[in-house]
Amino acid sequence: MSTVTMYCTAVCPYCSRAEMLLKQRGVADIHKIRIDQDPAQRVAMMERTGRRTVPQIYINDTHVGGFDDLWALDRAQGLLPLLNS
C-alpha cells in the first residue's frame, strides 16, 4: 500500500471526510501533518502545494489535492490504482 500524507487541522470536516474515504479504501495509516499546531508546516504546505486550504493529500509523491479532488478521483476509479501502486 502507498504512503498517504495529509496536511490537516483539528477541526476540519473535509479532513475527517478524506480520512474516512481513505480508510474505506483500505488505508490503515495516514501520516497527518497538523498545520494548526505548527505555523512552519502551514508555510511548507503552501510552498509544496500552492494551496492554502486543508486537507492537502499526497499519495506517495503524487499531490491529489483536497477532499473534492480525492472524491472525484475515487469516483473516476483512479484512487485504488494510485493507492496500490
PDB file of N, CA and C in Angstrom:
ATOM      1  N   MET A   1       0.854  -1.184   0.000  1.00  0.00           N
ATOM      2  CA  MET A   1       0.000   0.000   0.000  1.00  0.00           C
ATOM      3  C   MET A   1       0.893   1.238   0.000  1.00  0.00           C
ATOM      4  N   SER A   2       0.428   2.262  -0.645  1.00  0.00           N
ATOM      5  CA  SER A   2       1.165   3.512  -0.772  1.00  0.00           C
ATOM      6  C   SER A   2       1.215   4.287   0.531  1.00  0.00           C
ATOM      7  N   THR A   3       2.134   5.236   0.592  1.00  0.00           N
ATOM      8  CA  THR A   3       2.227   6.144   1.728  1.00  0.00           C
ATOM      9  C   THR A   3       1.282   7.316   1.495  1.00  0.00           C
ATOM     10  N   VAL A   4       0.441   7.594   2.480  1.00  0.00           N
ATOM     11  CA  VAL A   4      -0.513   8.692   2.377  1.00  0.00           C
ATOM     12  C   VAL A   4      -0.147   9.753   3.408  1.00  0.00           C
ATOM     13  N   THR A   5       0.014  10.980   2.938  1.00  0.00           N
ATOM     14  CA  THR A   5       0.308  12.120   3.798  1.00  0.00           C
ATOM     15  C   THR A   5      -0.810  13.136   3.626  1.00  0.00           C
ATOM     16  N   MET A   6      -1.292  13.660   4.758  1.00  0.00           N
ATOM     17  CA  MET A   6      -2.386  14.628   4.691  1.00  0.00           C
ATOM     18  C   MET A   6      -2.079  15.812   5.601  1.00  0.00           C
ATOM     19  N   TYR A   7      -2.016  16.986   5.005  1.00  0.00           N
ATOM     20  CA  TYR A   7      -1.947  18.218   5.780  1.00  0.00           C
ATOM     21  C   TYR A   7      -3.365  18.490   6.281  1.00  0.00           C
ATOM     22  N   CYS A   8      -3.515  18.764   7.580  1.00  0.00           N
ATOM     23  CA  CYS A   8      -4.855  18.909   8.142  1.00  0.00           C
ATOM     24  C   CYS A   8      -4.832  19.820   9.364  1.00  0.00           C
ATOM     25  N   THR A   9      -6.026  20.065   9.904  1.00  0.00           N
ATOM     26  CA  THR A   9      -6.196  20.774  11.175  1.00  0.00           C
ATOM     27  C   THR A   9      -7.111  19.931  12.053  1.00  0.00           C
ATOM     28  N   ALA A  10      -7.202  20.309  13.327  1.00  0.00           N
ATOM     29  CA  ALA A  10      -8.010  19.534  14.274  1.00  0.00           C
ATOM     30  C   ALA A  10      -9.499  19.615  13.960  1.00  0.00           C
ATOM     31  N   VAL A  11      -9.968  20.794  13.582  1.00  0.00           N
ATOM     32  CA  VAL A  11     -11.401  20.988  13.360  1.00  0.00           C
ATOM     33  C   VAL A  11     -11.622  21.276  11.871  1.00  0.00           C
ATOM     34  N   CYS A  12     -11.699  20.213  11.092  1.00  0.00           N
ATOM     35  CA  CYS A  12     -11.853  20.355   9.642  1.00  0.00           C
ATOM     36  C   CYS A  12     -12.731  19.211   9.146  1.00  0.00           C
ATOM     37  N   PRO A  13     -13.983  19.501   8.809  1.00  0.00           N
ATOM     38  CA  PRO A  13     -14.859  18.422   8.359  1.00  0.00           C
ATOM     39  C   PRO A  13     -14.384  17.753   7.067  1.00  0.00           C
ATOM     40  N   TYR A  14     -13.731  18.497   6.197  1.00  0.00           N
ATOM     41  CA  TYR A  14     -13.237  17.903   4.956  1.00  0.00           C
ATOM     42  C   TYR A  14     -12.055  16.972   5.227  1.00  0.00           C
ATOM     43  N   CYS A  15     -11.259  17.294   6.235  1.00  0.00           N
ATOM     44  CA  CYS A  15     -10.158  16.404   6.630  1.00  0.00           C
ATOM     45  C   CYS A  15     -10.724  15.089   7.159  1.00  0.00           C
ATOM     46  N   SER A  16     -11.767  15.189   7.977  1.00  0.00           N
ATOM     47  CA  SER A  16     -12.408  13.982   8.523  1.00  0.00           C
ATOM     48  C   SER A  16     -13.007  13.135   7.416  1.00  0.00           C
ATOM     49  N   ARG A  17     -13.656  13.779   6.446  1.00  0.00           N
ATOM     50  CA  ARG A  17     -14.254  13.033   5.337  1.00  0.00           C
ATOM     51  C   ARG A  17     -13.188  12.371   4.479  1.00  0.00           C
ATOM     52  N   ALA A  18     -12.077  13.074   4.257  1.00  0.00           N
ATOM     53  CA  ALA A  18     -10.980  12.495   3.474  1.00  0.00           C
ATOM     54  C   ALA A  18     -10.408  11.275   4.191  1.00  0.00           C
ATOM     55  N   GLU A  19     -10.205  11.398   5.494  1.00  0.00           N
ATOM     56  CA  GLU A  19      -9.688  10.274   6.262  1.00  0.00           C
ATOM     57  C   GLU A  19     -10.649   9.091   6.217  1.00  0.00           C
ATOM     58  N   MET A  20     -11.942   9.364   6.321  1.00  0.00           N
ATOM     59  CA  MET A  20     -12.942   8.302   6.277  1.00  0.00           C
ATOM     60  C   MET A  20     -12.917   7.582   4.920  1.00  0.00           C
ATOM     61  N   LEU A  21     -12.847   8.354   3.833  1.00  0.00           N
ATOM     62  CA  LEU A  21     -12.810   7.753   2.494  1.00  0.00           C
ATOM     63  C   LEU A  21     -11.553   6.916   2.311  1.00  0.00           C
ATOM     64  N   LEU A  22     -10.419   7.443   2.739  1.00  0.00           N
ATOM     65  CA  LEU A  22      -9.175   6.693   2.598  1.00  0.00           C
ATOM     66  C   LEU A  22      -9.226   5.395   3.392  1.00  0.00           C
ATOM     67  N   LYS A  23      -9.773   5.433   4.597  1.00  0.00           N
ATOM     68  CA  LYS A  23      -9.883   4.216   5.406  1.00  0.00           C
ATOM     69  C   LYS A  23     -10.847   3.223   4.768  1.00  0.00           C
ATOM     70  N   GLN A  24     -11.914   3.713   4.149  1.00  0.00           N
ATOM     71  CA  GLN A  24     -12.841   2.818   3.444  1.00  0.00           C
ATOM     72  C   GLN A  24     -12.150   2.124   2.273  1.00  0.00           C
ATOM     73  N   ARG A  25     -11.126   2.763   1.731  1.00  0.00           N
ATOM     74  CA  ARG A  25     -10.403   2.189   0.597  1.00  0.00           C
ATOM     75  C   ARG A  25      -9.191   1.386   1.050  1.00  0.00           C
ATOM     76  N   GLY A  26      -9.075   1.138   2.357  1.00  0.00           N
ATOM     77  CA  GLY A  26      -8.052   0.235   2.864  1.00  0.00           C
ATOM     78  C   GLY A  26      -6.803   0.873   3.415  1.00  0.00           C
ATOM     79  N   VAL A  27      -6.759   2.192   3.499  1.00  0.00           N
ATOM     80  CA  VAL A  27      -5.574   2.854   4.047  1.00  0.00           C
ATOM     81  C   VAL A  27      -5.615   2.737   5.568  1.00  0.00           C
ATOM     82  N   ALA A  28      -4.616   2.061   6.119  1.00  0.00           N
ATOM     83  CA  ALA A  28      -4.578   1.847   7.568  1.00  0.00           C
ATOM     84  C   ALA A  28      -3.856   2.974   8.288  1.00  0.00           C
ATOM     85  N   ASP A  29      -2.887   3.587   7.623  1.00  0.00           N
ATOM     86  CA  ASP A  29      -2.072   4.600   8.281  1.00  0.00           C
ATOM     87  C   ASP A  29      -1.970   5.845   7.404  1.00  0.00           C
ATOM     88  N   ILE A  30      -2.360   6.975   7.964  1.00  0.00           N
ATOM     89  CA  ILE A  30      -2.259   8.262   7.276  1.00  0.00           C
ATOM     90  C   ILE A  30      -1.295   9.125   8.076  1.00  0.00           C
ATOM     91  N   HIS A  31      -0.246   9.575   7.423  1.00  0.00           N
ATOM     92  CA  HIS A  31       0.697  10.476   8.081  1.00  0.00           C
ATOM     93  C   HIS A  31       0.073  11.872   8.062  1.00  0.00           C
ATOM     94  N   LYS A  32      -0.385  12.318   9.227  1.00  0.00           N
ATOM     95  CA  LYS A  32      -1.048  13.617   9.333  1.00  0.00           C
ATOM     96  C   LYS A  32      -0.053  14.680   9.771  1.00  0.00           C
ATOM     97  N   ILE A  33      -0.086  15.793   9.048  1.00  0.00           N
ATOM     98  CA  ILE A  33       0.732  16.947   9.406  1.00  0.00           C
ATOM     99  C   ILE A  33      -0.240  18.042   9.826  1.00  0.00           C
ATOM    100  N   ARG A  34      -0.259  18.335  11.116  1.00  0.00           N
ATOM    101  CA  ARG A  34      -1.199  19.304  11.685  1.00  0.00           C
ATOM    102  C   ARG A  34      -0.647  20.718  11.511  1.00  0.00           C
ATOM    103  N   ILE A  35      -1.180  21.451  10.563  1.00  0.00           N
ATOM    104  CA  ILE A  35      -0.685  22.802  10.304  1.00  0.00           C
ATOM    105  C   ILE A  35      -1.212  23.814  11.312  1.00  0.00           C
ATOM    106  N   ASP A  36      -2.233  23.446  12.091  1.00  0.00           N
ATOM    107  CA  ASP A  36      -2.727  24.361  13.117  1.00  0.00           C
ATOM    108  C   ASP A  36      -1.837  24.354  14.358  1.00  0.00           C
ATOM    109  N   GLN A  37      -1.001  23.353  14.500  1.00  0.00           N
ATOM    110  CA  GLN A  37      -0.097  23.264  15.651  1.00  0.00           C
ATOM    111  C   GLN A  37       1.300  23.775  15.338  1.00  0.00           C
ATOM    112  N   ASP A  38       1.613  23.902  14.047  1.00  0.00           N
ATOM    113  CA  ASP A  38       2.962  24.298  13.654  1.00  0.00           C
ATOM    114  C   ASP A  38       2.891  25.240  12.447  1.00  0.00           C
ATOM    115  N   PRO A  39       3.012  26.550  12.683  1.00  0.00           N
ATOM    116  CA  PRO A  39       2.926  27.509  11.575  1.00  0.00           C
ATOM    117  C   PRO A  39       3.942  27.258  10.462  1.00  0.00           C
ATOM    118  N   ALA A  40       5.098  26.698  10.800  1.00  0.00           N
ATOM    119  CA  ALA A  40       6.100  26.398   9.774  1.00  0.00           C
ATOM    120  C   ALA A  40       5.581  25.336   8.814  1.00  0.00           C
ATOM    121  N   GLN A  41       4.796  24.396   9.319  1.00  0.00           N
ATOM    122  CA  GLN A  41       4.215  23.361   8.449  1.00  0.00           C
ATOM    123  C   GLN A  41       3.182  23.964   7.498  1.00  0.00           C
ATOM    124  N   ARG A  42       2.442  24.986   7.951  1.00  0.00           N
ATOM    125  CA  ARG A  42       1.493  25.673   7.062  1.00  0.00           C
ATOM    126  C   ARG A  42       2.242  26.308   5.898  1.00  0.00           C
ATOM    127  N   VAL A  43       3.347  26.979   6.204  1.00  0.00           N
ATOM    128  CA  VAL A  43       4.166  27.603   5.169  1.00  0.00           C
ATOM    129  C   VAL A  43       4.707  26.537   4.212  1.00  0.00           C
ATOM    130  N   ALA A  44       5.192  25.438   4.774  1.00  0.00           N
ATOM    131  CA  ALA A  44       5.726  24.350   3.941  1.00  0.00           C
ATOM    132  C   ALA A  44       4.644  23.773   3.039  1.00  0.00           C
ATOM    133  N   MET A  45       3.417  23.618   3.578  1.00  0.00           N
ATOM    134  CA  MET A  45       2.310  23.099   2.775  1.00  0.00           C
ATOM    135  C   MET A  45       2.004  24.036   1.611  1.00  0.00           C
ATOM    136  N   MET A  46       1.939  25.333   1.887  1.00  0.00           N
ATOM    137  CA  MET A  46       1.613  26.296   0.830  1.00  0.00           C
ATOM    138  C   MET A  46       2.702  26.328  -0.242  1.00  0.00           C
ATOM    139  N   GLU A  47       3.947  26.207   0.169  1.00  0.00           N
ATOM    140  CA  GLU A  47       5.039  26.171  -0.807  1.00  0.00           C
ATOM    141  C   GLU A  47       4.995  24.888  -1.631  1.00  0.00           C
ATOM    142  N   ARG A  48       4.682  23.787  -0.983  1.00  0.00           N
ATOM    143  CA  ARG A  48       4.686  22.478  -1.662  1.00  0.00           C
ATOM    144  C   ARG A  48       3.496  22.318  -2.592  1.00  0.00           C
ATOM    145  N   THR A  49       2.314  22.820  -2.174  1.00  0.00           N
ATOM    146  CA  THR A  49       1.094  22.568  -2.935  1.00  0.00           C
ATOM    147  C   THR A  49       0.605  23.770  -3.739  1.00  0.00           C
ATOM    148  N   GLY A  50       1.001  24.970  -3.325  1.00  0.00           N
ATOM    149  CA  GLY A  50       0.472  26.176  -3.956  1.00  0.00           C
ATOM    150  C   GLY A  50      -0.948  26.481  -3.497  1.00  0.00           C
ATOM    151  N   ARG A  51      -1.395  25.804  -2.455  1.00  0.00           N
ATOM    152  CA  ARG A  51      -2.753  25.983  -1.932  1.00  0.00           C
ATOM    153  C   ARG A  51      -2.706  26.345  -0.462  1.00  0.00           C
ATOM    154  N   ARG A  52      -3.812  26.968   0.005  1.00  0.00           N
ATOM    155  CA  ARG A  52      -3.884  27.426   1.388  1.00  0.00           C
ATOM    156  C   ARG A  52      -4.854  26.623   2.248  1.00  0.00           C
ATOM    157  N   THR A  53      -5.685  25.810   1.626  1.00  0.00           N
ATOM    158  CA  THR A  53      -6.746  25.116   2.353  1.00  0.00           C
ATOM    159  C   THR A  53      -6.358  23.685   2.687  1.00  0.00           C
ATOM    160  N   VAL A  54      -7.020  23.142   3.709  1.00  0.00           N
ATOM    161  CA  VAL A  54      -6.827  21.745   4.086  1.00  0.00           C
ATOM    162  C   VAL A  54      -8.118  20.985   3.838  1.00  0.00           C
ATOM    163  N   PRO A  55      -8.017  19.709   3.618  1.00  0.00           N
ATOM    164  CA  PRO A  55      -6.791  18.923   3.582  1.00  0.00           C
ATOM    165  C   PRO A  55      -6.051  19.089   2.263  1.00  0.00           C
ATOM    166  N   GLN A  56      -4.778  18.796   2.302  1.00  0.00           N
ATOM    167  CA  GLN A  56      -3.969  18.620   1.104  1.00  0.00           C
ATOM    168  C   GLN A  56      -3.374  17.231   1.233  1.00  0.00           C
ATOM    169  N   ILE A  57      -3.657  16.400   0.241  1.00  0.00           N
ATOM    170  CA  ILE A  57      -3.360  14.972   0.338  1.00  0.00           C
ATOM    171  C   ILE A  57      -2.323  14.570  -0.711  1.00  0.00           C
ATOM    172  N   TYR A  58      -1.346  13.808  -0.248  1.00  0.00           N
ATOM    173  CA  TYR A  58      -0.347  13.205  -1.120  1.00  0.00           C
ATOM    174  C   TYR A  58      -0.437  11.698  -0.991  1.00  0.00           C
ATOM    175  N   ILE A  59      -0.391  11.023  -2.120  1.00  0.00           N
ATOM    176  CA  ILE A  59      -0.250   9.575  -2.148  1.00  0.00           C
ATOM    177  C   ILE A  59       1.101   9.311  -2.807  1.00  0.00           C
ATOM    178  N   ASN A  60       2.013   8.775  -2.004  1.00  0.00           N
ATOM    179  CA  ASN A  60       3.434   8.720  -2.374  1.00  0.00           C
ATOM    180  C   ASN A  60       3.877  10.141  -2.700  1.00  0.00           C
ATOM    181  N   ASP A  61       4.364  10.407  -3.892  1.00  0.00           N
ATOM    182  CA  ASP A  61       4.795  11.759  -4.254  1.00  0.00           C
ATOM    183  C   ASP A  61       3.771  12.483  -5.113  1.00  0.00           C
ATOM    184  N   THR A  62       2.593  11.897  -5.300  1.00  0.00           N
ATOM    185  CA  THR A  62       1.555  12.490  -6.142  1.00  0.00           C
ATOM    186  C   THR A  62       0.632  13.360  -5.301  1.00  0.00           C
ATOM    187  N   HIS A  63       0.549  14.637  -5.654  1.00  0.00           N
ATOM    188  CA  HIS A  63      -0.369  15.542  -4.974  1.00  0.00           C
ATOM    189  C   HIS A  63      -1.772  15.320  -5.528  1.00  0.00           C
ATOM    190  N   VAL A  64      -2.649  14.789  -4.683  1.00  0.00           N
ATOM    191  CA  VAL A  64      -4.025  14.518  -5.086  1.00  0.00           C
ATOM    192  C   VAL A  64      -4.854  15.796  -5.006  1.00  0.00           C
ATOM    193  N   GLY A  65      -4.587  16.618  -3.997  1.00  0.00           N
ATOM    194  CA  GLY A  65      -5.351  17.846  -3.780  1.00  0.00           C
ATOM    195  C   GLY A  65      -6.132  17.749  -2.488  1.00  0.00           C
ATOM    196  N   GLY A  66      -7.304  18.384  -2.483  1.00  0.00           N
ATOM    197  CA  GLY A  66      -8.159  18.397  -1.313  1.00  0.00           C
ATOM    198  C   GLY A  66      -9.190  17.284  -1.343  1.00  0.00           C
ATOM    199  N   PHE A  67     -10.179  17.385  -0.450  1.00  0.00           N
ATOM    200  CA  PHE A  67     -11.187  16.328  -0.374  1.00  0.00           C
ATOM    201  C   PHE A  67     -11.971  16.202  -1.676  1.00  0.00           C
ATOM    202  N   ASP A  68     -12.379  17.326  -2.261  1.00  0.00           N
ATOM    203  CA  ASP A  68     -13.148  17.257  -3.509  1.00  0.00           C
ATOM    204  C   ASP A  68     -12.362  16.547  -4.608  1.00  0.00           C
ATOM    205  N   ASP A  69     -11.065  16.812  -4.663  1.00  0.00           N
ATOM    206  CA  ASP A  69     -10.207  16.152  -5.653  1.00  0.00           C
ATOM    207  C   ASP A  69     -10.087  14.661  -5.368  1.00  0.00           C
ATOM    208  N   LEU A  70      -9.948  14.319  -4.095  1.00  0.00           N
ATOM    209  CA  LEU A  70      -9.863  12.913  -3.687  1.00  0.00           C
ATOM    210  C   LEU A  70     -11.146  12.169  -4.039  1.00  0.00           C
ATOM    211  N   TRP A  71     -12.263  12.787  -3.740  1.00  0.00           N
ATOM    212  CA  TRP A  71     -13.568  12.178  -4.014  1.00  0.00           C
ATOM    213  C   TRP A  71     -13.777  11.996  -5.514  1.00  0.00           C
ATOM    214  N   ALA A  72     -13.403  13.004  -6.307  1.00  0.00           N
ATOM    215  CA  ALA A  72     -13.527  12.905  -7.767  1.00  0.00           C
ATOM    216  C   ALA A  72     -12.627  11.796  -8.310  1.00  0.00           C
ATOM    217  N   LEU A  73     -11.418  11.682  -7.769  1.00  0.00           N
ATOM    218  CA  LEU A  73     -10.503  10.619  -8.191  1.00  0.00           C
ATOM    219  C   LEU A  73     -11.098   9.252  -7.885  1.00  0.00           C
ATOM    220  N   ASP A  74     -11.716   9.125  -6.716  1.00  0.00           N
ATOM    221  CA  ASP A  74     -12.343   7.859  -6.343  1.00  0.00           C
ATOM    222  C   ASP A  74     -13.513   7.543  -7.265  1.00  0.00           C
ATOM    223  N   ARG A  75     -14.335   8.531  -7.561  1.00  0.00           N
ATOM    224  CA  ARG A  75     -15.486   8.312  -8.448  1.00  0.00           C
ATOM    225  C   ARG A  75     -15.057   7.931  -9.859  1.00  0.00           C
ATOM    226  N   ALA A  76     -13.890   8.448 -10.279  1.00  0.00           N
ATOM    227  CA  ALA A  76     -13.360   8.117 -11.611  1.00  0.00           C
ATOM    228  C   ALA A  76     -12.574   6.805 -11.587  1.00  0.00           C
ATOM    229  N   GLN A  77     -12.614   6.126 -10.439  1.00  0.00           N
ATOM    230  CA  GLN A  77     -11.945   4.839 -10.238  1.00  0.00           C
ATOM    231  C   GLN A  77     -10.429   4.923 -10.391  1.00  0.00           C
ATOM    232  N   GLY A  78      -9.879   6.075 -10.001  1.00  0.00           N
ATOM    233  CA  GLY A  78      -8.434   6.237 -10.055  1.00  0.00           C
ATOM    234  C   GLY A  78      -7.748   6.169  -8.701  1.00  0.00           C
ATOM    235  N   LEU A  79      -8.542   6.180  -7.619  1.00  0.00           N
ATOM    236  CA  LEU A  79      -7.946   6.180  -6.286  1.00  0.00           C
ATOM    237  C   LEU A  79      -7.299   4.840  -5.943  1.00  0.00           C
ATOM    238  N   LEU A  80      -8.017   3.753  -6.096  1.00  0.00           N
ATOM    239  CA  LEU A  80      -7.462   2.451  -5.733  1.00  0.00           C
ATOM    240  C   LEU A  80      -6.191   2.107  -6.510  1.00  0.00           C
ATOM    241  N   PRO A  81      -6.152   2.334  -7.826  1.00  0.00           N
ATOM    242  CA  PRO A  81      -4.886   2.059  -8.530  1.00  0.00           C
ATOM    243  C   PRO A  81      -3.718   2.895  -7.997  1.00  0.00           C
ATOM    244  N   LEU A  82      -3.998   4.148  -7.638  1.00  0.00           N
ATOM    245  CA  LEU A  82      -2.942   5.001  -7.104  1.00  0.00           C
ATOM    246  C   LEU A  82      -2.498   4.503  -5.729  1.00  0.00           C
ATOM    247  N   LEU A  83      -3.448   4.083  -4.912  1.00  0.00           N
ATOM    248  CA  LEU A  83      -3.108   3.555  -3.585  1.00  0.00           C
ATOM    249  C   LEU A  83      -2.325   2.240  -3.669  1.00  0.00           C
ATOM    250  N   ASN A  84      -2.581   1.471  -4.689  1.00  0.00           N
ATOM    251  CA  ASN A  84      -1.941   0.162  -4.833  1.00  0.00           C
ATOM    252  C   ASN A  84      -0.654   0.204  -5.653  1.00  0.00           C
ATOM    253  N   SER A  85      -0.267   1.403  -6.112  1.00  0.00           N
ATOM    254  CA  SER A  85       0.945   1.497  -6.932  1.00  0.00           C
ATOM    255  C   SER A  85       2.198   1.500  -6.103  1.00  0.00           C
TER     256      SER A  85
END
